[in-house]
Amino acid sequence: MKVEQIYTGCLAHAAYYIESKGEAAIFDPLREVQPYLNRAQKDEAQIKYVFETHFHADFVSGHLDLQKKTGAKIVFGPGAKPNYDAITAEDGQIFKLGDYQIKVIHTPGHTMESTTYLLIDETGKEHGLITGDTLFIGDVGRPDLAQHVVSDLTEEKLAGHLYDSLRNKIMPLNDDLIVYPNHGAGSACGKKMSKETTDTLGNQKKTNYALRADMSKEEFIKELLDGLTTPPGYFPKNVLMNIQGYESFDKVKHNAENPLTPDEFEAVANASQALILDTRNANDFAKAFIPNSINIGLDGNYAPWVGELIKDIDQEILLVTDEGKHEEAITRLARVGYDHAIGYLKGGMESWIYAEKEVDTATRISAEELETIFKEKSAVLIDVRKKSEYDAEHVEGSLNIPLNTLNEHLAEIPKEKPFVVFCAGGYRSMIASSILKQRGYDNFKDVVGGFNAIKQTDVKTTDYVCPSTLL
């Protein structure tokens, strides 16, 4: 059976393409649908169905645009109530795709409409499971997302539903079935996902903590909920877009692909409430950037950090990108529902500098330079990694303010005292630096290479107590 996984690393997202006898189906597509159209065209196939495993939280699905462009029918599992034309399937219902069959298995828990699709080949043999966020490789879906949209649900109730779905619907199936999940390592939809993106169900029964045969429901709920971090703030907004509908990606892209000269860019920035988002890498940003701009680089987890840090999903955005990268920046914004980019700086930062416009800079130091600061105790060290990273290993005496909480903890960072910011490798710390600069902080430095570089010095073994005024 031909099942093609289409994986997008920056979102740790997997969509699936299946084709039989000129009929194709797409499972959990991303917002930009042209790659799926191209894939079907290569097979000279017609996209007949768009199957959704659930209302996604971490991205805006491309199901509506695919429906408009191809006439494909959108299929959700039992209990789904979208505000547009779609099939709400029944548990056990079978859809035919050429010589293949796709069987609906309702598996509530991650969300109440969550559904797994059993793939049956042309001989009638059960081939695999497209599991969405019900079952990952090494993990299962977190049960605390739907409660932010449906008020009478609790994470405990959802976890209980997920336990029943896994035990009663998934685990009795054949061990040789291939598991095709919606996400891999790096996604915020789980906490222990493997870097592998497929596996056999039999191996998952042996290795996945959540599928232990001797695990009681109470143990499952406790273990599943332990250590869950607060979900990114944009998740509920993406769920609502996927339920209610959204603007076509083509129109969003058209509105954003508006090249602006430095004078035009400056005029729009001054006349609007637009946020200036600089998507270049940390080194280039540090050397020169437009004052008050925020740096979230395309070379990292760009879209999730946009969703985490730009609280208003309707915020107008002006983009600064490397030459030729504006389309990627726009596309990745739209994937998480940020549809209000209104233009980009034509010619990139070089054009701004050539026009002799005002620029700002961020001070960066090496890990070796940090050694001197550390030994002299001349600055506070602020680690913006996640708490779990900090708890695993950190510089003695450093203060942990995770990047996603920085705006809420600015009062703990006095502007008159020198401090140093770092993360694991320098990506997040430059985001933090740009936010701090925007908020009026100047008396700080950022560490090139972050904690990974610091570990190669003597800093990690030096006894240094962070000043109590910042604790």
Protein backbone atom coordinates (compact mmCIF):
# COMPACT_ATOMS: atom_id res chain seq x y z
CA MET A 1 0.00 0.00 0.00
CA LYS A 2 1.40 3.39 -0.97
CA VAL A 3 1.35 5.84 1.96
CA GLU A 4 3.55 8.90 1.58
CA GLN A 5 4.46 10.96 4.64
CA ILE A 6 4.99 14.66 3.91
CA TYR A 7 6.99 15.94 6.89
CA THR A 8 7.56 19.60 7.78
CA GLY A 9 10.38 19.83 10.30
CA CYS A 10 9.84 23.38 11.57
CA LEU A 11 6.43 22.34 12.93
CA ALA A 12 7.35 18.66 13.48
CA HIS A 13 4.23 17.98 11.42
CA ALA A 14 3.32 15.03 9.22
CA ALA A 15 0.62 15.05 6.55
CA TYR A 16 -0.12 11.95 4.51
CA TYR A 17 -0.85 11.32 0.83
CA ILE A 18 -2.54 8.11 -0.34
CA GLU A 19 -3.45 7.24 -3.92
CA SER A 20 -5.18 4.30 -5.59
CA LYS A 21 -6.45 4.05 -9.16
CA GLY A 22 -6.43 7.79 -9.75
CA GLU A 23 -8.14 8.70 -6.46
CA ALA A 24 -6.14 10.44 -3.74
CA ALA A 25 -6.68 11.43 -0.12
CA ILE A 26 -4.79 13.91 2.03
CA PHE A 27 -4.67 13.57 5.81
CA ASP A 28 -4.09 16.61 8.07
CA PRO A 29 -2.72 19.03 5.43
CA LEU A 30 -0.88 22.25 6.22
CA ARG A 31 -2.24 25.67 5.23
CA GLU A 32 -0.39 25.97 1.91
CA VAL A 33 -1.92 23.30 -0.30
CA GLN A 34 0.04 23.60 -3.53
CA PRO A 35 2.48 20.78 -2.60
CA TYR A 36 -0.47 18.38 -2.24
CA LEU A 37 -1.97 19.51 -5.54
CA ASN A 38 1.40 19.00 -7.22
CA ARG A 39 1.73 15.53 -5.72
CA ALA A 40 -1.69 14.46 -6.98
CA GLN A 41 -0.99 15.94 -10.40
CA LYS A 42 2.20 13.86 -10.61
CA ASP A 43 0.04 10.73 -10.26
CA GLU A 44 -2.64 12.18 -12.52
CA ALA A 45 -4.97 11.66 -9.57
CA GLN A 46 -7.99 13.53 -8.29
CA ILE A 47 -8.06 14.42 -4.59
CA LYS A 48 -11.31 12.83 -3.43
CA TYR A 49 -11.09 13.26 0.36
CA VAL A 50 -9.37 15.43 2.94
CA PHE A 51 -9.37 13.53 6.22
CA GLU A 52 -8.89 15.44 9.49
CA THR A 53 -7.95 13.51 12.61
CA HIS A 54 -9.19 16.35 14.84
CA PHE A 55 -9.42 20.14 15.10
CA HIS A 56 -5.74 20.98 15.25
CA ALA A 57 -4.31 23.44 17.75
CA ASP A 58 -0.73 23.90 16.59
CA PHE A 59 -1.44 24.82 12.97
CA VAL A 60 -4.21 25.96 10.66
CA SER A 61 -5.15 23.09 8.38
CA GLY A 62 -5.41 23.40 4.60
CA HIS A 63 -8.61 21.40 4.33
CA LEU A 64 -10.84 24.31 3.28
CA ASP A 65 -8.52 25.51 0.52
CA LEU A 66 -8.17 21.95 -0.76
CA GLN A 67 -11.92 21.61 -0.82
CA LYS A 68 -12.30 24.85 -2.79
CA LYS A 69 -9.58 23.98 -5.30
CA THR A 70 -10.45 20.32 -5.89
CA GLY A 71 -14.01 19.70 -4.77
CA ALA A 72 -12.71 17.13 -2.29
CA LYS A 73 -14.95 16.15 0.60
CA ILE A 74 -13.72 17.02 4.09
CA VAL A 75 -14.11 14.22 6.63
CA PHE A 76 -14.02 14.56 10.41
CA GLY A 77 -14.66 11.94 13.06
CA PRO A 78 -17.73 11.54 15.29
CA GLY A 79 -18.76 14.58 17.31
CA ALA A 80 -17.08 17.18 15.13
CA LYS A 81 -19.19 20.25 14.42
CA PRO A 82 -17.40 22.43 11.87
CA ASN A 83 -19.02 25.63 10.59
CA TYR A 84 -18.72 24.57 6.94
CA ASP A 85 -19.67 21.74 4.64
CA ALA A 86 -18.02 18.51 5.82
CA ILE A 87 -18.79 14.87 6.50
CA THR A 88 -19.03 13.96 10.17
CA ALA A 89 -18.29 10.24 9.99
CA GLU A 90 -19.64 7.50 12.21
CA ASP A 91 -17.44 5.17 14.22
CA GLY A 92 -16.64 2.20 12.00
CA GLN A 93 -17.67 3.92 8.77
CA ILE A 94 -15.62 2.91 5.71
CA PHE A 95 -14.59 5.20 2.86
CA LYS A 96 -13.42 3.76 -0.45
CA LEU A 97 -10.43 5.22 -2.26
CA GLY A 98 -9.75 3.33 -5.48
CA ASP A 99 -8.98 -0.23 -4.32
CA TYR A 100 -8.23 0.92 -0.77
CA GLN A 101 -10.52 1.26 2.23
CA ILE A 102 -10.23 3.78 5.05
CA LYS A 103 -12.02 2.84 8.27
CA VAL A 104 -13.00 5.42 10.89
CA ILE A 105 -12.03 4.55 14.48
CA HIS A 106 -13.26 7.13 16.98
CA THR A 107 -10.52 7.63 19.60
CA PRO A 108 -11.48 10.54 21.89
CA GLY A 109 -9.00 11.78 24.45
CA HIS A 110 -6.66 14.30 22.90
CA THR A 111 -9.89 15.98 21.85
CA MET A 112 -13.39 14.56 21.88
CA GLU A 113 -13.63 14.33 18.08
CA SER A 114 -10.16 12.77 17.72
CA THR A 115 -10.23 9.95 15.20
CA THR A 116 -7.78 7.34 13.95
CA TYR A 117 -8.01 6.06 10.39
CA LEU A 118 -7.31 2.38 9.67
CA LEU A 119 -5.82 1.86 6.22
CA ILE A 120 -6.82 -1.32 4.37
CA ASP A 121 -5.04 -2.28 1.15
CA GLU A 122 -6.40 -3.71 -2.11
CA THR A 123 -6.23 -7.29 -0.77
CA GLY A 124 -8.24 -6.45 2.34
CA LYS A 125 -5.17 -6.53 4.59
CA GLU A 126 -4.98 -3.95 7.37
CA HIS A 127 -1.84 -1.92 6.63
CA GLY A 128 -1.54 0.98 9.05
CA LEU A 129 -3.06 3.60 11.31
CA ILE A 130 -3.10 7.34 10.76
CA THR A 131 -3.33 8.29 14.42
CA GLY A 132 -3.30 12.10 14.44
CA ASP A 133 -2.52 13.20 18.00
CA THR A 134 -3.98 10.09 19.63
CA LEU A 135 -0.79 8.02 19.41
CA PHE A 136 2.71 9.28 18.69
CA ILE A 137 5.95 7.35 18.46
CA GLY A 138 6.95 7.13 22.11
CA ASP A 139 4.08 9.20 23.43
CA VAL A 140 0.38 10.02 23.23
CA GLY A 141 -1.42 13.32 22.71
CA ARG A 142 -1.68 15.76 25.58
CA PRO A 143 -5.23 15.91 26.97
CA ASP A 144 -5.29 19.53 28.08
CA LEU A 145 -5.92 21.39 24.82
CA ALA A 146 -9.62 20.90 24.12
CA GLN A 147 -10.53 22.15 27.60
CA HIS A 148 -9.44 25.63 26.52
CA VAL A 149 -12.17 25.59 23.85
CA VAL A 150 -14.86 23.42 25.48
CA SER A 151 -15.42 24.71 29.01
CA ASP A 152 -16.97 21.63 30.63
CA LEU A 153 -14.02 19.37 29.80
CA THR A 154 -11.12 18.83 32.15
CA GLU A 155 -7.73 17.37 31.38
CA GLU A 156 -8.48 14.50 33.77
CA LYS A 157 -11.69 13.63 31.88
CA LEU A 158 -9.91 13.77 28.54
CA ALA A 159 -7.02 11.66 29.84
CA GLY A 160 -9.54 9.06 30.99
CA HIS A 161 -11.15 9.01 27.54
CA LEU A 162 -7.71 8.62 25.96
CA TYR A 163 -6.91 5.66 28.21
CA ASP A 164 -10.11 3.94 27.10
CA SER A 165 -9.49 4.73 23.42
CA LEU A 166 -5.97 3.31 23.51
CA ARG A 167 -6.95 0.15 25.42
CA ASN A 168 -10.22 -0.59 23.68
CA LYS A 169 -9.66 0.70 20.14
CA ILE A 170 -5.93 0.77 19.36
CA MET A 171 -4.09 -1.86 21.41
CA PRO A 172 -6.30 -4.82 20.31
CA LEU A 173 -5.25 -4.21 16.68
CA ASN A 174 -2.55 -6.22 14.88
CA ASP A 175 1.04 -5.67 15.95
CA ASP A 176 2.29 -5.36 12.36
CA LEU A 177 0.23 -2.24 11.66
CA ILE A 178 2.36 0.80 10.86
CA VAL A 179 1.66 3.83 13.05
CA TYR A 180 1.57 7.13 11.14
CA PRO A 181 1.30 9.99 13.68
CA ASN A 182 0.65 13.68 13.04
CA HIS A 183 3.79 14.88 14.86
CA GLY A 184 7.35 13.98 15.81
CA ALA A 185 9.90 15.25 18.33
CA GLY A 186 9.77 19.01 18.83
CA SER A 187 6.01 19.38 18.72
CA ALA A 188 4.25 20.94 21.70
CA CYS A 189 1.39 18.44 21.32
CA GLY A 190 3.22 15.82 23.42
CA LYS A 191 6.12 15.62 25.83
CA LYS A 192 8.13 12.46 25.04
CA MET A 193 7.88 12.08 21.28
CA SER A 194 10.57 10.16 19.44
CA LYS A 195 12.58 11.61 16.58
CA GLU A 196 11.32 8.64 14.56
CA THR A 197 8.13 9.42 12.67
CA THR A 198 6.75 5.89 12.05
CA ASP A 199 6.87 2.54 13.84
CA THR A 200 4.93 -0.68 14.17
CA LEU A 201 2.10 -0.84 16.66
CA GLY A 202 3.68 -3.93 18.18
CA ASN A 203 6.90 -2.09 18.97
CA GLN A 204 4.95 0.80 20.45
CA LYS A 205 3.16 -1.63 22.76
CA LYS A 206 6.59 -2.69 24.02
CA THR A 207 8.27 0.72 24.26
CA ASN A 208 5.67 3.47 24.64
CA TYR A 209 5.17 4.31 28.33
CA ALA A 210 1.49 5.08 27.75
CA LEU A 211 0.75 1.61 26.33
CA ARG A 212 2.00 -0.47 29.25
CA ALA A 213 -0.31 -3.44 29.61
CA ASP A 214 -0.29 -3.31 33.42
CA MET A 215 -1.07 0.41 33.68
CA SER A 216 -4.31 1.31 35.49
CA LYS A 217 -6.41 4.25 34.38
CA GLU A 218 -5.43 6.20 37.48
CA GLU A 219 -1.72 5.58 36.82
CA PHE A 220 -2.16 6.57 33.19
CA ILE A 221 -3.88 9.84 34.06
CA LYS A 222 -1.26 10.74 36.66
CA GLU A 223 1.68 9.93 34.40
CA LEU A 224 0.18 11.64 31.38
CA LEU A 225 -0.55 14.88 33.22
CA ASP A 226 2.77 14.98 35.09
CA GLY A 227 5.14 17.58 33.71
CA LEU A 228 2.77 19.12 31.19
CA THR A 229 3.76 22.70 30.47
CA THR A 230 1.30 25.47 29.63
CA PRO A 231 0.32 25.11 25.98
CA PRO A 232 1.33 27.95 23.63
CA GLY A 233 -1.12 30.83 23.70
CA TYR A 234 -2.03 30.59 20.03
CA PHE A 235 -3.33 27.00 20.28
CA PRO A 236 -6.96 27.86 21.17
CA LYS A 237 -7.04 30.47 18.39
CA ASN A 238 -5.91 27.92 15.81
CA VAL A 239 -8.55 25.45 17.02
CA LEU A 240 -11.26 28.06 16.48
CA MET A 241 -9.95 28.89 12.99
CA ASN A 242 -10.06 25.20 12.11
CA ILE A 243 -13.63 24.92 13.43
CA GLN A 244 -15.04 28.18 12.12
CA GLY A 245 -13.11 28.63 8.86
CA TYR A 246 -10.55 31.17 7.72
CA GLU A 247 -9.35 33.37 4.86
CA SER A 248 -7.84 31.55 1.90
CA PHE A 249 -4.08 31.23 1.98
CA ASP A 250 -3.84 32.74 -1.51
CA LYS A 251 -5.47 35.97 -0.32
CA VAL A 252 -3.36 36.11 2.85
CA LYS A 253 -0.21 35.67 0.78
CA HIS A 254 -1.32 38.28 -1.77
CA ASN A 255 -1.94 40.88 0.95
CA ALA A 256 1.44 40.25 2.54
CA GLU A 257 3.55 40.19 -0.62
CA ASN A 258 3.79 43.96 -0.63
CA PRO A 259 7.40 45.13 -1.20
CA LEU A 260 8.13 48.44 0.54
CA THR A 261 11.08 50.75 -0.01
CA PRO A 262 12.82 51.97 3.17
CA ASP A 263 10.86 55.25 3.01
CA GLU A 264 7.56 53.42 2.47
CA PHE A 265 8.37 50.87 5.19
CA GLU A 266 9.17 53.64 7.66
CA ALA A 267 6.00 55.52 6.77
CA VAL A 268 3.78 52.46 7.22
CA ALA A 269 5.50 51.59 10.52
CA ASN A 270 4.97 55.13 11.84
CA ALA A 271 1.36 55.36 10.67
CA SER A 272 0.21 51.97 11.98
CA GLN A 273 0.46 49.76 15.02
CA ALA A 274 2.33 47.13 13.00
CA LEU A 275 4.99 45.06 14.72
CA ILE A 276 8.32 44.89 12.89
CA LEU A 277 9.37 41.24 12.76
CA ASP A 278 12.96 40.59 11.69
CA THR A 279 13.44 36.99 10.55
CA ARG A 280 17.20 37.04 9.91
CA ASN A 281 19.64 34.93 11.90
CA ALA A 282 20.85 36.11 15.30
CA ASN A 283 24.33 37.20 14.17
CA ASP A 284 23.05 39.40 11.36
CA PHE A 285 20.31 40.87 13.53
CA ALA A 286 22.77 41.78 16.30
CA LYS A 287 24.96 43.77 13.90
CA ALA A 288 22.17 46.08 12.73
CA PHE A 289 18.39 46.11 13.05
CA ILE A 290 15.52 48.56 12.83
CA PRO A 291 14.85 50.02 16.29
CA ASN A 292 11.99 48.33 18.18
CA SER A 293 11.92 45.31 15.88
CA ILE A 294 11.64 41.78 17.25
CA ASN A 295 13.96 39.02 16.03
CA ILE A 296 12.51 35.55 15.46
CA GLY A 297 14.74 33.82 12.94
CA LEU A 298 13.58 31.60 10.10
CA ASP A 299 16.49 29.29 10.93
CA GLY A 300 14.75 28.05 14.10
CA ASN A 301 11.25 27.28 15.39
CA TYR A 302 9.97 30.47 13.81
CA ALA A 303 6.21 29.89 13.62
CA PRO A 304 5.79 28.38 17.12
CA TRP A 305 7.75 31.25 18.68
CA VAL A 306 5.68 33.79 16.77
CA GLY A 307 2.58 32.10 18.16
CA GLU A 308 4.04 32.00 21.65
CA LEU A 309 5.27 35.59 21.85
CA ILE A 310 2.95 37.67 19.65
CA LYS A 311 -0.17 37.43 21.73
CA ASP A 312 -2.59 39.09 19.32
CA ILE A 313 -3.15 36.79 16.34
CA ASP A 314 -4.67 39.78 14.48
CA GLN A 315 -1.54 41.89 14.96
CA GLU A 316 -0.41 43.63 11.77
CA ILE A 317 3.18 42.64 10.94
CA LEU A 318 5.91 44.24 8.82
CA LEU A 319 8.63 41.81 7.80
CA VAL A 320 12.38 42.18 7.50
CA THR A 321 13.91 39.15 5.81
CA ASP A 322 16.97 38.09 3.92
CA GLU A 323 16.63 38.70 0.20
CA GLY A 324 14.19 36.20 -1.32
CA LYS A 325 12.97 34.86 2.05
CA HIS A 326 9.80 36.93 2.43
CA GLU A 327 7.56 34.24 0.91
CA GLU A 328 8.79 31.63 3.38
CA ALA A 329 8.26 34.05 6.27
CA ILE A 330 4.70 34.80 5.12
CA THR A 331 3.85 31.13 4.59
CA ARG A 332 5.11 30.04 7.98
CA LEU A 333 3.18 32.85 9.67
CA ALA A 334 -0.01 31.74 7.96
CA ARG A 335 0.51 28.14 9.07
CA VAL A 336 -0.18 29.25 12.65
CA GLY A 337 -2.91 31.75 11.82
CA TYR A 338 -0.98 35.02 11.65
CA ASP A 339 -2.72 36.34 8.55
CA HIS A 340 -2.02 40.05 8.87
CA ALA A 341 1.45 40.61 7.46
CA ILE A 342 1.05 43.81 5.44
CA GLY A 343 4.40 44.12 3.69
CA TYR A 344 8.13 43.48 3.74
CA LEU A 345 11.28 45.57 3.40
CA LYS A 346 12.33 45.50 -0.25
CA GLY A 347 16.03 44.75 -0.55
CA GLY A 348 16.25 43.61 3.06
CA MET A 349 18.30 45.29 5.77
CA GLU A 350 20.97 46.32 3.27
CA SER A 351 18.51 48.70 1.62
CA TRP A 352 17.67 50.21 5.02
CA ILE A 353 21.33 50.81 5.82
CA TYR A 354 22.03 52.15 2.32
CA ALA A 355 19.17 54.64 2.82
CA GLU A 356 20.94 55.80 6.01
CA LYS A 357 17.98 55.01 8.22
CA GLU A 358 18.37 54.66 11.98
CA VAL A 359 19.67 51.30 13.22
CA ASP A 360 20.21 49.66 16.58
CA THR A 361 22.61 46.87 17.62
CA ALA A 362 22.80 44.11 20.23
CA THR A 363 26.00 43.34 22.11
CA ARG A 364 27.21 39.73 21.90
CA ILE A 365 30.08 38.10 23.76
CA SER A 366 31.79 34.73 23.53
CA ALA A 367 31.57 32.05 26.20
CA GLU A 368 35.24 32.73 26.97
CA GLU A 369 34.45 36.39 27.64
CA LEU A 370 31.68 35.24 29.94
CA GLU A 371 34.29 33.44 32.06
CA THR A 372 35.77 36.76 33.15
CA ILE A 373 32.36 38.23 33.94
CA PHE A 374 31.48 35.07 35.83
CA LYS A 375 34.66 35.04 37.95
CA GLU A 376 34.38 38.74 38.72
CA LYS A 377 30.69 38.39 39.56
CA SER A 378 30.15 41.59 37.61
CA ALA A 379 26.81 40.73 36.04
CA VAL A 380 23.70 38.67 36.63
CA LEU A 381 23.30 35.63 34.37
CA ILE A 382 19.84 35.04 32.93
CA ASP A 383 19.07 31.68 31.34
CA VAL A 384 16.03 31.85 29.03
CA ARG A 385 15.80 28.11 28.32
CA LYS A 386 12.81 26.04 29.39
CA LYS A 387 12.59 25.11 33.07
CA SER A 388 13.12 21.44 32.20
CA GLU A 389 16.38 22.30 30.42
CA TYR A 390 17.48 24.46 33.34
CA ASP A 391 16.61 21.77 35.88
CA ALA A 392 18.63 19.20 33.96
CA GLU A 393 21.79 21.32 33.90
CA HIS A 394 22.54 24.99 34.42
CA VAL A 395 25.18 27.52 35.39
CA GLU A 396 25.37 27.76 39.15
CA GLY A 397 23.67 30.88 40.43
CA SER A 398 22.01 31.78 37.15
CA LEU A 399 18.41 32.99 37.10
CA ASN A 400 15.97 31.03 34.96
CA ILE A 401 13.39 33.13 33.11
CA PRO A 402 12.06 31.00 30.23
CA LEU A 403 11.67 32.99 27.03
CA ASN A 404 7.91 32.42 26.85
CA THR A 405 7.53 34.08 30.27
CA LEU A 406 9.97 36.95 29.73
CA ASN A 407 7.37 39.68 29.32
CA GLU A 408 5.72 38.66 32.60
CA HIS A 409 9.03 38.85 34.51
CA LEU A 410 10.52 42.12 33.29
CA ALA A 411 10.04 43.66 36.72
CA GLU A 412 12.65 41.21 38.04
CA ILE A 413 15.31 42.65 35.74
CA PRO A 414 16.40 46.13 36.93
CA LYS A 415 17.52 48.28 34.02
CA GLU A 416 20.43 49.82 35.94
CA LYS A 417 22.26 46.54 36.66
CA PRO A 418 24.37 44.73 34.06
CA PHE A 419 23.28 41.24 33.07
CA VAL A 420 24.02 38.55 30.51
CA VAL A 421 21.39 36.56 28.58
CA PHE A 422 21.86 33.09 27.14
CA CYS A 423 19.92 30.05 25.96
CA ALA A 424 21.07 26.70 24.56
CA GLY A 425 22.65 27.92 21.33
CA GLY A 426 21.88 31.61 20.82
CA TYR A 427 18.58 31.54 18.93
CA ARG A 428 16.20 32.15 21.84
CA SER A 429 18.53 34.54 23.65
CA MET A 430 18.55 36.86 20.63
CA ILE A 431 14.77 36.80 20.60
CA ALA A 432 14.95 37.75 24.28
CA SER A 433 17.53 40.43 23.53
CA SER A 434 15.30 42.02 20.90
CA ILE A 435 12.36 42.06 23.32
CA LEU A 436 14.52 43.60 26.04
CA LYS A 437 15.83 46.25 23.66
CA GLN A 438 12.25 47.07 22.65
CA ARG A 439 11.38 47.45 26.33
CA GLY A 440 14.23 49.92 26.91
CA TYR A 441 16.96 47.64 28.31
CA ASP A 442 20.52 48.36 27.15
CA ASN A 443 22.84 47.23 29.94
CA PHE A 444 23.17 43.58 28.90
CA LYS A 445 25.02 41.18 26.62
CA ASP A 446 24.07 37.99 24.77
CA VAL A 447 26.28 34.87 24.69
CA VAL A 448 27.17 33.53 21.24
CA GLY A 449 26.66 29.76 21.25
CA GLY A 450 24.73 29.87 24.52
CA PHE A 451 24.89 27.14 27.13
CA ASN A 452 26.39 24.68 24.66
CA ALA A 453 29.43 26.96 24.33
CA ILE A 454 29.49 27.84 28.04
CA LYS A 455 29.82 24.15 28.93
CA GLN A 456 33.16 24.08 27.14
CA THR A 457 34.59 26.66 29.56
CA ASP A 458 35.27 26.69 33.31
CA VAL A 459 32.09 28.65 34.03
CA LYS A 460 30.03 25.58 34.83
CA THR A 461 32.25 24.54 37.75
CA THR A 462 32.60 27.99 39.31
CA ASP A 463 30.60 28.70 42.44
CA TYR A 464 28.61 31.83 41.72
CA VAL A 465 25.52 32.92 43.62
CA CYS A 466 23.09 35.08 41.71
CA PRO A 467 22.49 38.41 43.55
CA SER A 468 19.52 38.04 45.84
CA THR A 469 17.94 41.22 44.48
CA LEU A 470 16.99 39.27 41.39
CA LEU A 471 15.86 36.05 43.03
